[in-house]
Structure formats: C-alpha cells, structure tokens
Amino acid sequence: MNRTFLSGSKSSKYFSATIGNLLLPVLLLAMLFPDAAIAQGNLLITPRRVVFEGSKKIQELNLANIGKDSARYVFSLVEIRMKEDGSFERIAEPDSGQLFASPYLRFFPRSVILAPNESQLMKVQLSRTEQLPPGEYRSHIYFRAERDDKPLGEFEARVDSGSISVSIIPIFGITIPIIVRVGELSAEVAISDVKIMKHDSIYSTSMVLNRKGTKSVYGDVKVEHVSDAGIKTTIGRANGVSVYTPNAKRNFEMKLKDADKVDLKKGKLLISYNSDSDVNPVKMTEVEVLIDFSASK
C-alpha cells in the first residue's frame, strides 16, 4: 500500500427480451444494479459497455424506452478520444497506440421504433478477427433519438399574424464503448497527486489515475475515512471510472458527499480503485492519505 501525506486546502446484468412490453425486468435490473445500466433522455441501455474476450463473438444489449412517447432510435459506430480530464471528443484517425474496433464489428438492427415501456434486443457481432495482432481495439456505438419524421435538429418556422415562432427539436444521444481484446493483455493502476479541497462547506478530492499496460481499466473509486480508533467510514464513491488506451493517466475529481459524517482533521483516508464486477471485484490499487491541516492557508 502506498502512503501519502496530504496538506488540506480551502481552495477550491440483464434480461433477454424481444419487442414487447418488457420494460419491467429492465427497470428491476436498473434498480438492483444501477451501475450496470446507462440512460440518457428516455433510452435505458443495459449493459453499459461491451467487452469481447476469448472466443465470444456475439453479445446483446437491451434497449428500453422509459419515456411517455414513442421514439425512433438510430445507431452508428463512432471513434472517440479520451482526454486526460476524462472528457471525450470525436476523432477520425486513431491516436498513436489507439486501435479502432469498428472494422470488425456488426450490429443489428440499425434503428428501432419503441413505444413507451417497450424494449428490444440489439445484437453486436464480432467478425474477421482471426489475423488481428494482439492488442485492445475500441470503438463506440452512438445511440441517437429522433422524436418524429423531421430531420434531426431541424427547426420549424410558423407564420402567424406577421410573426415567426421557432421550435427547436432536441437531440438526445449517448455512446457506450465496444472493446475487443486480442491476446494476453494486462494493466496496472496507481493513484498519485491526491489533494483535498473545501469550498462552501463541501469537500472534494482530486487525484491522478496512472495506467500502465496493454488494456484499458474500468472500475470504481472509493474513499474511506479511518478514524484514530480504526473505524472505517465510506465518504465518497464514484462508479464506472475508466482510463482508456492509449492514455497513461487521467485527472479525476469527486465530491465527498458524506464527509460531514467524520472528522477530517483526524485519522486518515484510504482511496482505492476496484475493478468493475458485481461478482468478484478486485482491488487494483489503494493509497493511504494522511491529512495535515496544519499546512492549510
């Protein structure tokens, strides 16, 4: 376990279904395992990422319309770069060390129309990978909602008594990663540069997640306070924190929502990064932080 001295600062899984009214199992999954599902607008997707390893060639996604209106959803493959702050941007060419999975992926259907409380399976198939060199290949499926027959983003102008009113159609979109791993790959994570901040009575912590190896990492960050008596209290948690290849590090910040339950002027913090698994999560790294508020300004 690594130990860090920290100076305080006041600065700032799822259910197979066909088309039909099958939303209830999806909602139950989302309630029991909220980190297995991802949603934006009125589209609920489970699971939240797809990983092909070994001999697996086909995987399924469950798409559910949790809204009150029927909606048409169209799907496409896109390429994305992760920045060091964790944000994303679309790219056309891979960065050095980045491999795209899109040439080896097929999915169907490519669009669906879902009534309220209706769901459907989407199949993702892997092909033509026999001669692929070892490595991790990644692309993302982009899910886009279209609410009516008008082109997405089109605005309508109406003439009424000499005035013009403009109605803008909202665009809803979400992406999930599709990762293909070929060969024996590995990764390590280390936490460094931990800082704690307090702003308007709200505590937060920042850190750097350092990734080494041949594959991406995906896991949960947990912050625990350990009192002088050895009592552990979880004061912060962030699920689904990733560092994608080829990135070597990610700057990460999170609020400590339950920091008011403990005395941060005493004891220490344990910050861990655990692999994302409902069955057998593995602690990939942990750092011990000793807080020294005497250095605060």
Protein backbone atom coordinates (compact mmCIF):
# COMPACT_ATOMS: atom_id res chain seq x y z
CA MET A 1 0.00 0.00 0.00
CA ASN A 2 1.23 3.45 -0.85
CA ARG A 3 1.18 6.15 1.81
CA THR A 4 0.87 9.84 1.01
CA PHE A 5 0.96 12.87 3.29
CA LEU A 6 -1.76 15.30 2.29
CA SER A 7 -1.98 19.01 3.04
CA GLY A 8 -5.54 20.26 3.30
CA SER A 9 -6.66 23.30 1.37
CA LYS A 10 -9.72 25.54 1.43
CA SER A 11 -9.42 26.31 -2.25
CA SER A 12 -11.27 25.48 -4.46
CA LYS A 13 -26.95 -7.87 -15.98
CA TYR A 14 -29.68 -8.43 -17.51
CA PHE A 15 -32.84 -9.79 -19.16
CA SER A 16 -33.29 -11.32 -22.61
CA ALA A 17 -36.35 -9.99 -24.41
CA THR A 18 -37.86 -9.41 -27.81
CA ILE A 19 -40.02 -6.49 -28.87
CA GLY A 20 -42.90 -6.07 -26.48
CA ASN A 21 -43.88 -4.57 -23.17
CA LEU A 22 -40.86 -5.97 -21.32
CA LEU A 23 -39.61 -2.88 -19.55
CA LEU A 24 -40.28 -4.12 -16.00
CA PRO A 25 -37.32 -6.55 -15.89
CA VAL A 26 -35.07 -3.81 -17.26
CA LEU A 27 -36.20 -1.37 -14.59
CA LEU A 28 -35.71 -4.02 -11.91
CA LEU A 29 -32.16 -4.55 -13.17
CA ALA A 30 -31.52 -0.82 -13.12
CA MET A 31 -32.76 -0.59 -9.53
CA LEU A 32 -30.85 -3.65 -8.28
CA PHE A 33 -27.66 -2.94 -10.23
CA PRO A 34 -27.75 0.75 -11.19
CA ASP A 35 -24.14 0.68 -12.38
CA ALA A 36 -24.97 -1.97 -14.99
CA ALA A 37 -27.30 0.38 -16.86
CA ILE A 38 -26.81 3.70 -18.55
CA ALA A 39 -29.51 6.13 -19.61
CA GLN A 40 -29.93 9.49 -21.25
CA GLY A 41 -33.16 11.12 -22.35
CA ASN A 42 -35.70 8.29 -22.33
CA LEU A 43 -33.44 5.48 -23.52
CA LEU A 44 -32.18 2.92 -20.99
CA ILE A 45 -29.31 0.67 -22.14
CA THR A 46 -28.02 -2.45 -20.40
CA PRO A 47 -25.22 -3.30 -20.01
CA ARG A 48 -23.28 -0.05 -20.16
CA ARG A 49 -20.32 -1.42 -22.12
CA VAL A 50 -19.44 -4.45 -24.22
CA VAL A 51 -16.14 -6.34 -23.99
CA PHE A 52 -15.19 -9.16 -26.38
CA GLU A 53 -12.55 -11.51 -24.98
CA GLY A 54 -11.59 -15.06 -25.80
CA SER A 55 -13.98 -16.93 -28.10
CA LYS A 56 -17.01 -14.69 -27.55
CA LYS A 57 -18.38 -13.46 -30.90
CA ILE A 58 -21.91 -12.16 -30.17
CA GLN A 59 -23.22 -10.02 -27.35
CA GLU A 60 -26.58 -8.39 -26.71
CA LEU A 61 -27.77 -5.02 -25.50
CA ASN A 62 -31.23 -4.35 -24.11
CA LEU A 63 -32.71 -1.03 -25.24
CA ALA A 64 -35.76 0.28 -23.39
CA ASN A 65 -37.90 3.37 -23.90
CA ILE A 66 -38.71 4.65 -20.42
CA GLY A 67 -40.45 7.79 -21.72
CA LYS A 68 -44.11 8.61 -22.27
CA ASP A 69 -43.90 8.94 -26.07
CA SER A 70 -42.91 6.63 -28.89
CA ALA A 71 -39.43 7.33 -30.25
CA ARG A 72 -37.21 6.21 -33.08
CA TYR A 73 -33.59 5.45 -32.25
CA VAL A 74 -30.81 5.15 -34.83
CA PHE A 75 -27.38 3.66 -34.16
CA SER A 76 -23.92 4.17 -35.62
CA LEU A 77 -20.30 3.47 -34.78
CA VAL A 78 -18.09 6.41 -33.83
CA GLU A 79 -14.47 6.85 -32.78
CA ILE A 80 -13.67 8.71 -29.58
CA ARG A 81 -10.57 10.06 -27.87
CA MET A 82 -10.46 10.28 -24.07
CA LYS A 83 -8.73 13.40 -22.79
CA GLU A 84 -6.70 13.50 -19.60
CA ASP A 85 -9.57 15.22 -17.77
CA GLY A 86 -11.90 12.33 -18.63
CA SER A 87 -13.89 14.19 -21.30
CA PHE A 88 -14.34 12.83 -24.82
CA GLU A 89 -14.09 14.11 -28.35
CA ARG A 90 -14.90 12.59 -31.74
CA ILE A 91 -11.94 11.75 -33.97
CA ALA A 92 -11.47 10.34 -37.46
CA GLU A 93 -7.93 8.98 -37.13
CA PRO A 94 -6.58 6.98 -34.19
CA ASP A 95 -4.04 8.48 -31.84
CA SER A 96 -0.65 6.84 -31.52
CA GLY A 97 -1.22 3.50 -29.79
CA GLN A 98 -5.02 3.59 -30.30
CA LEU A 99 -6.76 0.82 -32.28
CA PHE A 100 -10.30 1.07 -33.69
CA ALA A 101 -12.70 -1.89 -33.34
CA SER A 102 -15.26 -0.66 -35.89
CA PRO A 103 -13.84 -2.57 -38.91
CA TYR A 104 -14.53 -5.83 -37.07
CA LEU A 105 -18.00 -5.09 -35.68
CA ARG A 106 -21.52 -5.53 -37.00
CA PHE A 107 -24.73 -4.75 -35.17
CA PHE A 108 -28.41 -5.18 -35.90
CA PRO A 109 -30.91 -3.72 -36.03
CA ARG A 110 -29.52 -0.31 -37.01
CA SER A 111 -32.65 1.52 -35.88
CA VAL A 112 -35.75 0.76 -33.83
CA ILE A 113 -39.06 2.40 -33.01
CA LEU A 114 -40.04 1.84 -29.40
CA ALA A 115 -43.38 2.64 -27.85
CA PRO A 116 -43.50 3.75 -24.21
CA ASN A 117 -42.47 0.93 -21.86
CA GLU A 118 -41.22 -1.18 -24.77
CA SER A 119 -37.81 -2.78 -25.15
CA GLN A 120 -35.81 -4.68 -27.76
CA LEU A 121 -32.57 -6.57 -28.00
CA MET A 122 -29.70 -5.31 -30.12
CA LYS A 123 -27.04 -7.83 -31.20
CA VAL A 124 -23.38 -6.88 -31.60
CA GLN A 125 -21.27 -9.33 -33.61
CA LEU A 126 -17.51 -9.63 -33.90
CA SER A 127 -16.02 -10.85 -37.19
CA ARG A 128 -12.78 -11.08 -39.20
CA THR A 129 -10.53 -11.11 -36.13
CA GLU A 130 -8.55 -14.29 -36.84
CA GLN A 131 -5.44 -12.46 -38.04
CA LEU A 132 -5.62 -9.46 -35.71
CA PRO A 133 -2.37 -8.64 -33.88
CA PRO A 134 -2.61 -8.73 -30.07
CA GLY A 135 -3.96 -5.57 -28.51
CA GLU A 136 -7.07 -3.76 -27.39
CA TYR A 137 -9.40 -2.36 -30.05
CA ARG A 138 -12.11 0.16 -29.13
CA SER A 139 -14.97 1.97 -30.84
CA HIS A 140 -18.26 3.31 -29.52
CA ILE A 141 -21.90 2.79 -30.50
CA TYR A 142 -23.78 6.08 -30.73
CA PHE A 143 -27.49 5.92 -29.89
CA ARG A 144 -29.46 8.86 -31.24
CA ALA A 145 -33.15 9.57 -30.61
CA GLU A 146 -35.45 11.02 -33.25
CA ARG A 147 -38.83 12.03 -31.94
CA ASP A 148 -40.65 12.47 -35.25
CA ASP A 149 -40.22 12.25 -39.01
CA LYS A 150 -38.45 15.62 -39.34
CA PRO A 151 -34.67 15.52 -39.89
CA LEU A 152 -32.80 15.57 -36.59
CA GLY A 153 -32.09 19.11 -35.44
CA GLU A 154 -34.44 20.71 -37.97
CA PHE A 155 -36.36 23.75 -36.78
CA GLU A 156 -39.81 24.70 -37.93
CA ALA A 157 -40.85 28.28 -38.70
CA ARG A 158 -44.54 29.15 -38.50
CA VAL A 159 -46.12 32.33 -39.78
CA ASP A 160 -48.90 33.69 -37.60
CA SER A 161 -50.23 37.25 -37.90
CA GLY A 162 -46.94 38.50 -39.28
CA SER A 163 -44.78 36.88 -36.56
CA ILE A 164 -42.43 33.91 -36.73
CA SER A 165 -42.08 31.33 -33.98
CA VAL A 166 -39.20 28.86 -33.93
CA SER A 167 -39.46 25.39 -32.41
CA ILE A 168 -36.13 23.58 -31.90
CA ILE A 169 -36.19 19.81 -31.81
CA PRO A 170 -33.90 18.49 -29.02
CA ILE A 171 -31.21 15.97 -29.90
CA PHE A 172 -30.60 13.12 -27.44
CA GLY A 173 -27.55 10.95 -27.80
CA ILE A 174 -25.43 8.57 -25.78
CA THR A 175 -22.44 6.33 -26.50
CA ILE A 176 -21.17 3.11 -24.96
CA PRO A 177 -17.75 1.53 -25.61
CA ILE A 178 -17.30 -1.68 -27.57
CA ILE A 179 -13.92 -3.19 -26.65
CA VAL A 180 -12.21 -6.09 -28.39
CA ARG A 181 -9.23 -7.71 -26.66
CA VAL A 182 -6.88 -9.99 -28.58
CA GLY A 183 -4.09 -11.94 -26.89
CA GLU A 184 -2.85 -11.88 -23.31
CA LEU A 185 -3.27 -8.30 -22.12
CA SER A 186 -2.72 -6.72 -18.72
CA ALA A 187 -2.94 -3.39 -16.95
CA GLU A 188 -1.90 -1.76 -13.69
CA VAL A 189 -3.21 1.36 -11.96
CA ALA A 190 -1.61 3.67 -9.41
CA ILE A 191 -3.10 6.69 -7.62
CA SER A 192 -0.98 9.80 -7.18
CA ASP A 193 -1.18 13.56 -6.59
CA VAL A 194 -4.07 13.34 -4.13
CA LYS A 195 -5.47 16.65 -2.92
CA ILE A 196 -8.43 17.55 -0.78
CA MET A 197 -10.41 20.78 -1.19
CA LYS A 198 -13.14 22.53 0.74
CA HIS A 199 -15.43 25.06 -0.91
CA ASP A 200 -18.58 26.43 0.72
CA SER A 201 -18.50 23.65 3.34
CA ILE A 202 -18.35 20.97 0.60
CA TYR A 203 -15.32 18.67 0.49
CA SER A 204 -13.93 17.14 -2.66
CA THR A 205 -10.81 15.27 -3.61
CA SER A 206 -8.73 15.18 -6.76
CA MET A 207 -6.20 12.61 -7.88
CA VAL A 208 -4.37 11.22 -10.88
CA LEU A 209 -5.10 7.68 -12.06
CA ASN A 210 -1.94 6.33 -13.71
CA ARG A 211 -2.44 3.41 -16.12
CA LYS A 212 0.27 1.07 -17.38
CA GLY A 213 -0.09 -1.94 -19.65
CA THR A 214 -1.82 -3.10 -22.80
CA LYS A 215 -5.50 -2.65 -21.94
CA SER A 216 -7.91 -0.07 -20.57
CA VAL A 217 -9.04 -0.08 -16.97
CA TYR A 218 -12.59 0.39 -15.75
CA GLY A 219 -13.57 0.47 -12.11
CA ASP A 220 -14.92 2.20 -9.04
CA VAL A 221 -13.17 4.78 -6.87
CA LYS A 222 -13.92 4.53 -3.15
CA VAL A 223 -12.81 6.97 -0.46
CA GLU A 224 -12.89 5.79 3.16
CA HIS A 225 -12.10 7.70 6.32
CA VAL A 226 -10.26 5.75 9.01
CA SER A 227 -10.57 7.20 12.49
CA ASP A 228 -7.82 7.07 15.10
CA ALA A 229 -9.74 4.13 16.59
CA GLY A 230 -9.60 2.28 13.27
CA ILE A 231 -13.27 2.77 12.32
CA LYS A 232 -13.79 2.92 8.55
CA THR A 233 -16.50 5.13 7.03
CA THR A 234 -17.12 5.42 3.30
CA ILE A 235 -17.38 9.12 2.49
CA GLY A 236 -17.19 9.06 -1.30
CA ARG A 237 -17.74 6.69 -4.20
CA ALA A 238 -17.62 7.07 -7.98
CA ASN A 239 -18.56 4.13 -10.18
CA GLY A 240 -17.52 3.38 -13.73
CA VAL A 241 -14.31 5.43 -13.85
CA SER A 242 -12.25 4.47 -16.88
CA VAL A 243 -8.82 5.15 -18.32
CA TYR A 244 -8.83 4.09 -21.96
CA THR A 245 -5.84 3.15 -24.04
CA PRO A 246 -3.59 4.74 -25.13
CA ASN A 247 -3.91 7.21 -22.22
CA ALA A 248 -1.32 6.82 -19.47
CA LYS A 249 -3.20 8.92 -16.94
CA ARG A 250 -6.49 10.58 -16.08
CA ASN A 251 -7.08 13.56 -13.82
CA PHE A 252 -10.10 12.78 -11.66
CA GLU A 253 -12.08 14.80 -9.13
CA MET A 254 -15.06 13.79 -7.00
CA LYS A 255 -17.19 15.22 -4.21
CA LEU A 256 -17.04 13.66 -0.76
CA LYS A 257 -20.78 13.64 -0.14
CA ASP A 258 -20.60 12.07 3.31
CA ALA A 259 -17.56 13.93 4.62
CA ASP A 260 -19.72 15.59 7.27
CA LYS A 261 -20.11 12.22 8.99
CA VAL A 262 -16.47 12.18 10.08
CA ASP A 263 -13.79 14.49 11.44
CA LEU A 264 -11.36 15.03 8.59
CA LYS A 265 -8.95 16.79 10.93
CA LYS A 266 -8.25 13.42 12.50
CA GLY A 267 -7.46 10.00 11.12
CA LYS A 268 -6.58 9.24 7.52
CA LEU A 269 -8.12 8.43 4.15
CA LEU A 270 -7.97 5.20 2.16
CA ILE A 271 -8.57 5.70 -1.56
CA SER A 272 -9.00 2.53 -3.60
CA TYR A 273 -9.67 1.69 -7.23
CA ASN A 274 -11.59 -1.55 -7.65
CA SER A 275 -12.29 -3.41 -10.88
CA ASP A 276 -15.91 -3.21 -12.01
CA SER A 277 -17.55 -6.53 -11.15
CA ASP A 278 -20.78 -7.39 -9.34
CA VAL A 279 -19.49 -10.90 -8.59
CA ASN A 280 -15.83 -10.57 -7.62
CA PRO A 281 -14.45 -7.01 -7.68
CA VAL A 282 -10.66 -6.86 -7.42
CA LYS A 283 -8.80 -4.07 -5.66
CA MET A 284 -6.38 -2.82 -8.29
CA THR A 285 -4.70 -0.21 -6.14
CA GLU A 286 -5.04 1.61 -2.83
CA VAL A 287 -3.34 4.67 -1.39
CA GLU A 288 -3.25 5.76 2.25
CA VAL A 289 -3.55 9.52 2.76
CA LEU A 290 -2.57 11.25 5.97
CA ILE A 291 -4.26 14.65 6.20
CA ASP A 292 -2.24 17.52 7.62
CA PHE A 293 -4.45 20.58 8.03
CA SER A 294 -1.66 22.49 9.78
CA ALA A 295 -0.36 23.30 6.30
CA SER A 296 -3.65 24.88 5.22
CA LYS A 297 -3.64 28.51 4.16
